[in-house]
C-alpha atoms as a PDB file:
ATOM      1  CA  UNK A   1       5.621 -10.594   8.978  1.00  0.00           C
ATOM      2  CA  UNK A   2       7.811 -11.958   6.196  1.00  0.00           C
ATOM      3  CA  UNK A   3       9.272 -15.136   7.682  1.00  0.00           C
ATOM      4  CA  UNK A   4      11.078 -16.667   4.702  1.00  0.00           C
ATOM      5  CA  UNK A   5      14.822 -16.912   4.119  1.00  0.00           C
ATOM      6  CA  UNK A   6      14.072 -16.195   0.437  1.00  0.00           C
ATOM      7  CA  UNK A   7      15.215 -12.661  -0.404  1.00  0.00           C
ATOM      8  CA  UNK A   8      12.105 -10.477  -0.235  1.00  0.00           C
ATOM      9  CA  UNK A   9      13.687  -8.161  -2.800  1.00  0.00           C
ATOM     10  CA  UNK A  10      13.055 -10.961  -5.311  1.00  0.00           C
ATOM     11  CA  UNK A  11       9.290 -11.173  -4.705  1.00  0.00           C
ATOM     12  CA  UNK A  12       7.442 -10.031  -7.852  1.00  0.00           C
ATOM     13  CA  UNK A  13       3.769 -10.517  -6.906  1.00  0.00           C
ATOM     14  CA  UNK A  14       1.598 -10.615  -3.782  1.00  0.00           C
ATOM     15  CA  UNK A  15      -1.988 -11.904  -3.920  1.00  0.00           C
ATOM     16  CA  UNK A  16      -4.500 -11.634  -1.070  1.00  0.00           C
ATOM     17  CA  UNK A  17      -6.793 -14.656  -1.463  1.00  0.00           C
ATOM     18  CA  UNK A  18      -9.552 -16.454   0.446  1.00  0.00           C
ATOM     19  CA  UNK A  19      -8.043 -19.902  -0.047  1.00  0.00           C
ATOM     20  CA  UNK A  20      -4.963 -21.247  -1.770  1.00  0.00           C
ATOM     21  CA  UNK A  21      -4.595 -24.879  -2.780  1.00  0.00           C
ATOM     22  CA  UNK A  22      -1.936 -24.569  -5.458  1.00  0.00           C
ATOM     23  CA  UNK A  23       1.717 -25.497  -5.451  1.00  0.00           C
ATOM     24  CA  UNK A  24       4.090 -23.747  -3.091  1.00  0.00           C
ATOM     25  CA  UNK A  25       7.763 -23.718  -2.213  1.00  0.00           C
ATOM     26  CA  UNK A  26       7.133 -22.950   1.462  1.00  0.00           C
ATOM     27  CA  UNK A  27       4.427 -21.628   3.774  1.00  0.00           C
ATOM     28  CA  UNK A  28       4.081 -20.073   7.203  1.00  0.00           C
ATOM     29  CA  UNK A  29       1.339 -18.965   9.572  1.00  0.00           C
ATOM     30  CA  UNK A  30       0.239 -15.465  10.365  1.00  0.00           C
ATOM     31  CA  UNK A  31       2.177 -12.325  10.617  1.00  0.00           C
ATOM     32  CA  UNK A  32       0.268  -9.466   8.978  1.00  0.00           C
ATOM     33  CA  UNK A  33      -2.856  -9.590  11.100  1.00  0.00           C
ATOM     34  CA  UNK A  34      -3.516  -9.587  14.818  1.00  0.00           C
ATOM     35  CA  UNK A  35      -5.053 -13.053  14.834  1.00  0.00           C
ATOM     36  CA  UNK A  36      -2.452 -15.174  13.008  1.00  0.00           C
ATOM     37  CA  UNK A  37      -5.356 -16.847  11.228  1.00  0.00           C
ATOM     38  CA  UNK A  38      -3.718 -16.461   7.840  1.00  0.00           C
ATOM     39  CA  UNK A  39      -1.285 -18.585   5.898  1.00  0.00           C
ATOM     40  CA  UNK A  40       1.340 -17.172   3.561  1.00  0.00           C
ATOM     41  CA  UNK A  41       2.360 -19.421   0.667  1.00  0.00           C
ATOM     42  CA  UNK A  42       5.430 -18.703  -1.425  1.00  0.00           C
ATOM     43  CA  UNK A  43       5.812 -20.153  -4.911  1.00  0.00           C
ATOM     44  CA  UNK A  44       9.217 -18.953  -6.075  1.00  0.00           C
ATOM     45  CA  UNK A  45       8.832 -15.146  -6.304  1.00  0.00           C
ATOM     46  CA  UNK A  46       5.060 -15.064  -5.772  1.00  0.00           C
ATOM     47  CA  UNK A  47       3.277 -14.789  -2.420  1.00  0.00           C
ATOM     48  CA  UNK A  48      -0.307 -15.868  -1.755  1.00  0.00           C
ATOM     49  CA  UNK A  49      -1.659 -14.519   1.524  1.00  0.00           C
ATOM     50  CA  UNK A  50      -4.664 -16.682   2.388  1.00  0.00           C
ATOM     51  CA  UNK A  51      -7.417 -15.863   4.860  1.00  0.00           C
ATOM     52  CA  UNK A  52      -8.083 -19.611   5.146  1.00  0.00           C
ATOM     53  CA  UNK A  53     -11.724 -19.150   4.183  1.00  0.00           C
ATOM     54  CA  UNK A  54     -12.472 -16.035   6.219  1.00  0.00           C
ATOM     55  CA  UNK A  55     -14.127 -13.207   4.240  1.00  0.00           C
ATOM     56  CA  UNK A  56     -11.415 -10.659   5.137  1.00  0.00           C
ATOM     57  CA  UNK A  57      -7.773 -10.461   6.141  1.00  0.00           C
ATOM     58  CA  UNK A  58      -7.560  -7.948   8.973  1.00  0.00           C
ATOM     59  CA  UNK A  59      -4.301  -6.010   8.928  1.00  0.00           C
ATOM     60  CA  UNK A  60      -2.544  -5.127  12.157  1.00  0.00           C
ATOM     61  CA  UNK A  61      -2.272  -1.523  13.335  1.00  0.00           C
ATOM     62  CA  UNK A  62       1.071  -0.918  11.661  1.00  0.00           C
ATOM     63  CA  UNK A  63       1.739  -1.649   8.016  1.00  0.00           C
ATOM     64  CA  UNK A  64       4.848   0.517   8.121  1.00  0.00           C
ATOM     65  CA  UNK A  65       7.414  -0.761   5.593  1.00  0.00           C
ATOM     66  CA  UNK A  66       5.243  -3.781   4.724  1.00  0.00           C
ATOM     67  CA  UNK A  67       6.723  -3.959   1.213  1.00  0.00           C
ATOM     68  CA  UNK A  68       9.570  -1.493   1.746  1.00  0.00           C
ATOM     69  CA  UNK A  69      12.395  -1.848  -0.789  1.00  0.00           C
ATOM     70  CA  UNK A  70      10.962  -4.981  -2.415  1.00  0.00           C
ATOM     71  CA  UNK A  71      12.761  -4.097  -5.650  1.00  0.00           C
ATOM     72  CA  UNK A  72      11.005  -6.503  -8.002  1.00  0.00           C
ATOM     73  CA  UNK A  73       7.470  -6.195  -6.625  1.00  0.00           C
ATOM     74  CA  UNK A  74       5.135  -5.115  -9.441  1.00  0.00           C
ATOM     75  CA  UNK A  75       1.709  -6.526  -8.567  1.00  0.00           C
ATOM     76  CA  UNK A  76      -0.270  -6.636  -5.340  1.00  0.00           C
ATOM     77  CA  UNK A  77      -3.900  -7.606  -5.767  1.00  0.00           C
ATOM     78  CA  UNK A  78      -6.900  -8.701  -3.736  1.00  0.00           C
ATOM     79  CA  UNK A  79      -7.086  -5.481  -1.709  1.00  0.00           C
ATOM     80  CA  UNK A  80     -10.885  -5.809  -1.739  1.00  0.00           C
ATOM     81  CA  UNK A  81     -10.592  -8.639   0.788  1.00  0.00           C
ATOM     82  CA  UNK A  82      -8.336  -6.696   3.156  1.00  0.00           C
ATOM     83  CA  UNK A  83      -9.774  -5.075   6.283  1.00  0.00           C
ATOM     84  CA  UNK A  84      -7.533  -2.121   7.120  1.00  0.00           C
ATOM     85  CA  UNK A  85      -9.947  -0.400   9.506  1.00  0.00           C
ATOM     86  CA  UNK A  86      -7.547  -0.728  12.464  1.00  0.00           C
ATOM     87  CA  UNK A  87      -4.406   0.442  10.629  1.00  0.00           C
ATOM     88  CA  UNK A  88      -2.878   3.607  12.082  1.00  0.00           C
ATOM     89  CA  UNK A  89       0.373   3.587  10.084  1.00  0.00           C
ATOM     90  CA  UNK A  90       0.769   3.041   6.334  1.00  0.00           C
ATOM     91  CA  UNK A  91       4.091   4.904   6.151  1.00  0.00           C
ATOM     92  CA  UNK A  92       6.703   3.629   3.690  1.00  0.00           C
ATOM     93  CA  UNK A  93       4.445   0.715   2.718  1.00  0.00           C
ATOM     94  CA  UNK A  94       5.405   0.702  -0.975  1.00  0.00           C
ATOM     95  CA  UNK A  95       8.459   2.910  -0.638  1.00  0.00           C
ATOM     96  CA  UNK A  96      11.981   2.729  -2.102  1.00  0.00           C
ATOM     97  CA  UNK A  97      12.271   1.137  -5.515  1.00  0.00           C
ATOM     98  CA  UNK A  98       9.137  -0.962  -5.318  1.00  0.00           C
ATOM     99  CA  UNK A  99       7.875  -1.288  -8.898  1.00  0.00           C
ATOM    100  CA  UNK A 100       4.156  -1.546  -8.279  1.00  0.00           C
ATOM    101  CA  UNK A 101       2.001  -0.708 -11.250  1.00  0.00           C
ATOM    102  CA  UNK A 102      -0.341   2.242 -11.454  1.00  0.00           C
ATOM    103  CA  UNK A 103      -3.229  -0.253 -11.241  1.00  0.00           C
ATOM    104  CA  UNK A 104      -1.907  -1.673  -7.958  1.00  0.00           C
ATOM    105  CA  UNK A 105      -1.529   1.789  -6.426  1.00  0.00           C
ATOM    106  CA  UNK A 106      -5.036   2.790  -7.548  1.00  0.00           C
ATOM    107  CA  UNK A 107      -6.574  -0.444  -6.249  1.00  0.00           C
ATOM    108  CA  UNK A 108      -4.885   0.158  -2.899  1.00  0.00           C
ATOM    109  CA  UNK A 109      -6.407   3.656  -2.668  1.00  0.00           C
ATOM    110  CA  UNK A 110      -9.836   2.422  -3.799  1.00  0.00           C
ATOM    111  CA  UNK A 111     -10.028  -0.412  -1.264  1.00  0.00           C
ATOM    112  CA  UNK A 112      -8.207   0.637   1.897  1.00  0.00           C
ATOM    113  CA  UNK A 113      -9.989   2.003   4.950  1.00  0.00           C
ATOM    114  CA  UNK A 114      -7.994   4.998   6.198  1.00  0.00           C
ATOM    115  CA  UNK A 115     -10.451   5.959   8.959  1.00  0.00           C
ATOM    116  CA  UNK A 116      -7.992   5.243  11.815  1.00  0.00           C
ATOM    117  CA  UNK A 117      -4.786   5.994   9.947  1.00  0.00           C
ATOM    118  CA  UNK A 118      -2.529   8.743  11.298  1.00  0.00           C
ATOM    119  CA  UNK A 119       0.372   8.589   8.849  1.00  0.00           C
ATOM    120  CA  UNK A 120       0.919   7.678   5.214  1.00  0.00           C
ATOM    121  CA  UNK A 121       4.386   9.238   5.114  1.00  0.00           C
ATOM    122  CA  UNK A 122       6.271   8.334   1.912  1.00  0.00           C
ATOM    123  CA  UNK A 123       3.644   5.715   1.052  1.00  0.00           C
ATOM    124  CA  UNK A 124       4.563   5.511  -2.656  1.00  0.00           C
ATOM    125  CA  UNK A 125       8.045   7.102  -2.527  1.00  0.00           C
ATOM    126  CA  UNK A 126      10.169   6.231  -5.598  1.00  0.00           C
ATOM    127  CA  UNK A 127       7.121   4.698  -7.318  1.00  0.00           C
ATOM    128  CA  UNK A 128       8.454   5.078 -10.835  1.00  0.00           C
ATOM    129  CA  UNK A 129       5.620   3.136 -12.459  1.00  0.00           C
ATOM    130  CA  UNK A 130       2.831   5.308 -11.066  1.00  0.00           C
ATOM    131  CA  UNK A 131       1.516   7.712 -13.711  1.00  0.00           C
ATOM    132  CA  UNK A 132      -1.852   9.055 -12.612  1.00  0.00           C
ATOM    133  CA  UNK A 133      -3.886   8.471  -9.469  1.00  0.00           C
ATOM    134  CA  UNK A 134      -7.349   9.411  -8.296  1.00  0.00           C
ATOM    135  CA  UNK A 135      -7.856   9.889  -4.568  1.00  0.00           C
ATOM    136  CA  UNK A 136     -11.467   8.714  -4.038  1.00  0.00           C
ATOM    137  CA  UNK A 137     -13.926  10.848  -2.078  1.00  0.00           C
ATOM    138  CA  UNK A 138     -14.829   7.680  -0.165  1.00  0.00           C
ATOM    139  CA  UNK A 139     -11.457   7.792   1.636  1.00  0.00           C
ATOM    140  CA  UNK A 140     -11.737   9.002   5.217  1.00  0.00           C
ATOM    141  CA  UNK A 141      -8.514  10.889   5.917  1.00  0.00           C
ATOM    142  CA  UNK A 142      -9.866  12.670   8.995  1.00  0.00           C
ATOM    143  CA  UNK A 143      -7.224  11.272  11.394  1.00  0.00           C
ATOM    144  CA  UNK A 144      -4.186  11.609   9.145  1.00  0.00           C
ATOM    145  CA  UNK A 145      -1.648  14.116  10.440  1.00  0.00           C
ATOM    146  CA  UNK A 146       1.359  13.211   8.273  1.00  0.00           C
ATOM    147  CA  UNK A 147       0.937  13.179   4.478  1.00  0.00           C
ATOM    148  CA  UNK A 148       4.548  14.084   3.737  1.00  0.00           C
ATOM    149  CA  UNK A 149       6.437  12.635   0.799  1.00  0.00           C
ATOM    150  CA  UNK A 150       3.557  10.393  -0.290  1.00  0.00           C
ATOM    151  CA  UNK A 151       4.480  10.867  -3.971  1.00  0.00           C
ATOM    152  CA  UNK A 152       8.110  11.854  -3.442  1.00  0.00           C
ATOM    153  CA  UNK A 153      10.363  10.832  -6.351  1.00  0.00           C
ATOM    154  CA  UNK A 154       7.506   9.252  -8.320  1.00  0.00           C
ATOM    155  CA  UNK A 155       9.346  10.488 -11.388  1.00  0.00           C
ATOM    156  CA  UNK A 156       6.696   9.335 -13.918  1.00  0.00           C
ATOM    157  CA  UNK A 157       3.729  10.796 -12.017  1.00  0.00           C
ATOM    158  CA  UNK A 158       1.757  13.108 -14.303  1.00  0.00           C
ATOM    159  CA  UNK A 159      -1.368  13.793 -12.286  1.00  0.00           C
ATOM    160  CA  UNK A 160      -3.049  13.269  -8.929  1.00  0.00           C
ATOM    161  CA  UNK A 161      -6.792  13.902  -8.938  1.00  0.00           C
ATOM    162  CA  UNK A 162      -8.457  14.524  -5.588  1.00  0.00           C
ATOM    163  CA  UNK A 163     -12.177  13.833  -6.016  1.00  0.00           C
ATOM    164  CA  UNK A 164     -14.553  16.479  -4.735  1.00  0.00           C
ATOM    165  CA  UNK A 165     -15.058  16.026  -0.997  1.00  0.00           C
ATOM    166  CA  UNK A 166     -11.563  14.710  -0.215  1.00  0.00           C
ATOM    167  CA  UNK A 167     -10.181  16.557   2.782  1.00  0.00           C
ATOM    168  CA  UNK A 168      -7.391  16.304   5.315  1.00  0.00           C
ATOM    169  CA  UNK A 169      -8.696  18.297   8.287  1.00  0.00           C
ATOM    170  CA  UNK A 170      -5.918  17.264  10.690  1.00  0.00           C
ATOM    171  CA  UNK A 171      -2.877  17.128   8.423  1.00  0.00           C
ATOM    172  CA  UNK A 172       0.020  19.086   9.887  1.00  0.00           C
ATOM    173  CA  UNK A 173       2.835  17.843   7.644  1.00  0.00           C
ATOM    174  CA  UNK A 174       2.930  17.668   3.824  1.00  0.00           C
ATOM    175  CA  UNK A 175       6.580  18.489   3.177  1.00  0.00           C
ATOM    176  CA  UNK A 176       8.202  16.989   0.083  1.00  0.00           C
ATOM    177  CA  UNK A 177       4.804  15.709  -1.067  1.00  0.00           C
ATOM    178  CA  UNK A 178       5.758  15.978  -4.757  1.00  0.00           C
ATOM    179  CA  UNK A 179       9.522  16.407  -4.404  1.00  0.00           C
ATOM    180  CA  UNK A 180      11.363  14.699  -7.264  1.00  0.00           C
ATOM    181  CA  UNK A 181       8.226  14.313  -9.403  1.00  0.00           C
ATOM    182  CA  UNK A 182       9.759  15.310 -12.736  1.00  0.00           C
ATOM    183  CA  UNK A 183       6.698  15.148 -15.002  1.00  0.00           C
ATOM    184  CA  UNK A 184       3.873  16.624 -12.944  1.00  0.00           C
ATOM    185  CA  UNK A 185       3.129  20.224 -13.924  1.00  0.00           C
ATOM    186  CA  UNK A 186       0.131  21.254 -11.828  1.00  0.00           C
ATOM    187  CA  UNK A 187      -0.563  20.547  -8.164  1.00  0.00           C
ATOM    188  CA  UNK A 188      -3.770  21.249  -6.244  1.00  0.00           C
ATOM    189  CA  UNK A 189      -3.243  21.605  -2.499  1.00  0.00           C
ATOM    190  CA  UNK A 190      -6.623  23.145  -1.702  1.00  0.00           C
ATOM    191  CA  UNK A 191      -7.808  20.075   0.242  1.00  0.00           C
ATOM    192  CA  UNK A 192      -5.096  20.713   2.835  1.00  0.00           C
END
């Protein structure tokens, strides 16, 4: 979906927006949704993903590696205007040296629709700036089978709170879920 010659490892921010009428270095159509009704604007190291006035940006079925190894990425916001109801694969989305903040990771969890998702493998792997996360009870994880390595090597992670009611009835794989998490001291796996 990223169509620029600009090194994506130099992108620092991504903003999902309804409209964008500011300055930009370049822009391109579509890519992250099935309709190509979006426009992506790049202003140096900042991306604005515009729905062009539509109330939601509908993500395609696979978001695998969407921001994989974007080394300087710290902020992704506007998740509340993203429709992820058709996504089946969130694996590696923020994986490998992405520097998203704890707030970005929490906003992602609070706003994404996981109802059709089958894998979130290594979703936040190497997320060194993630300290504590709450998995909301509103998340529907009923179709997820692979939850392996989601927090792998999140070396600053202190705590993951699963709200009452969170369950993973079809998960078959959770290996290396907390592998490399150097600070976390207590892990609750009862929801598996």
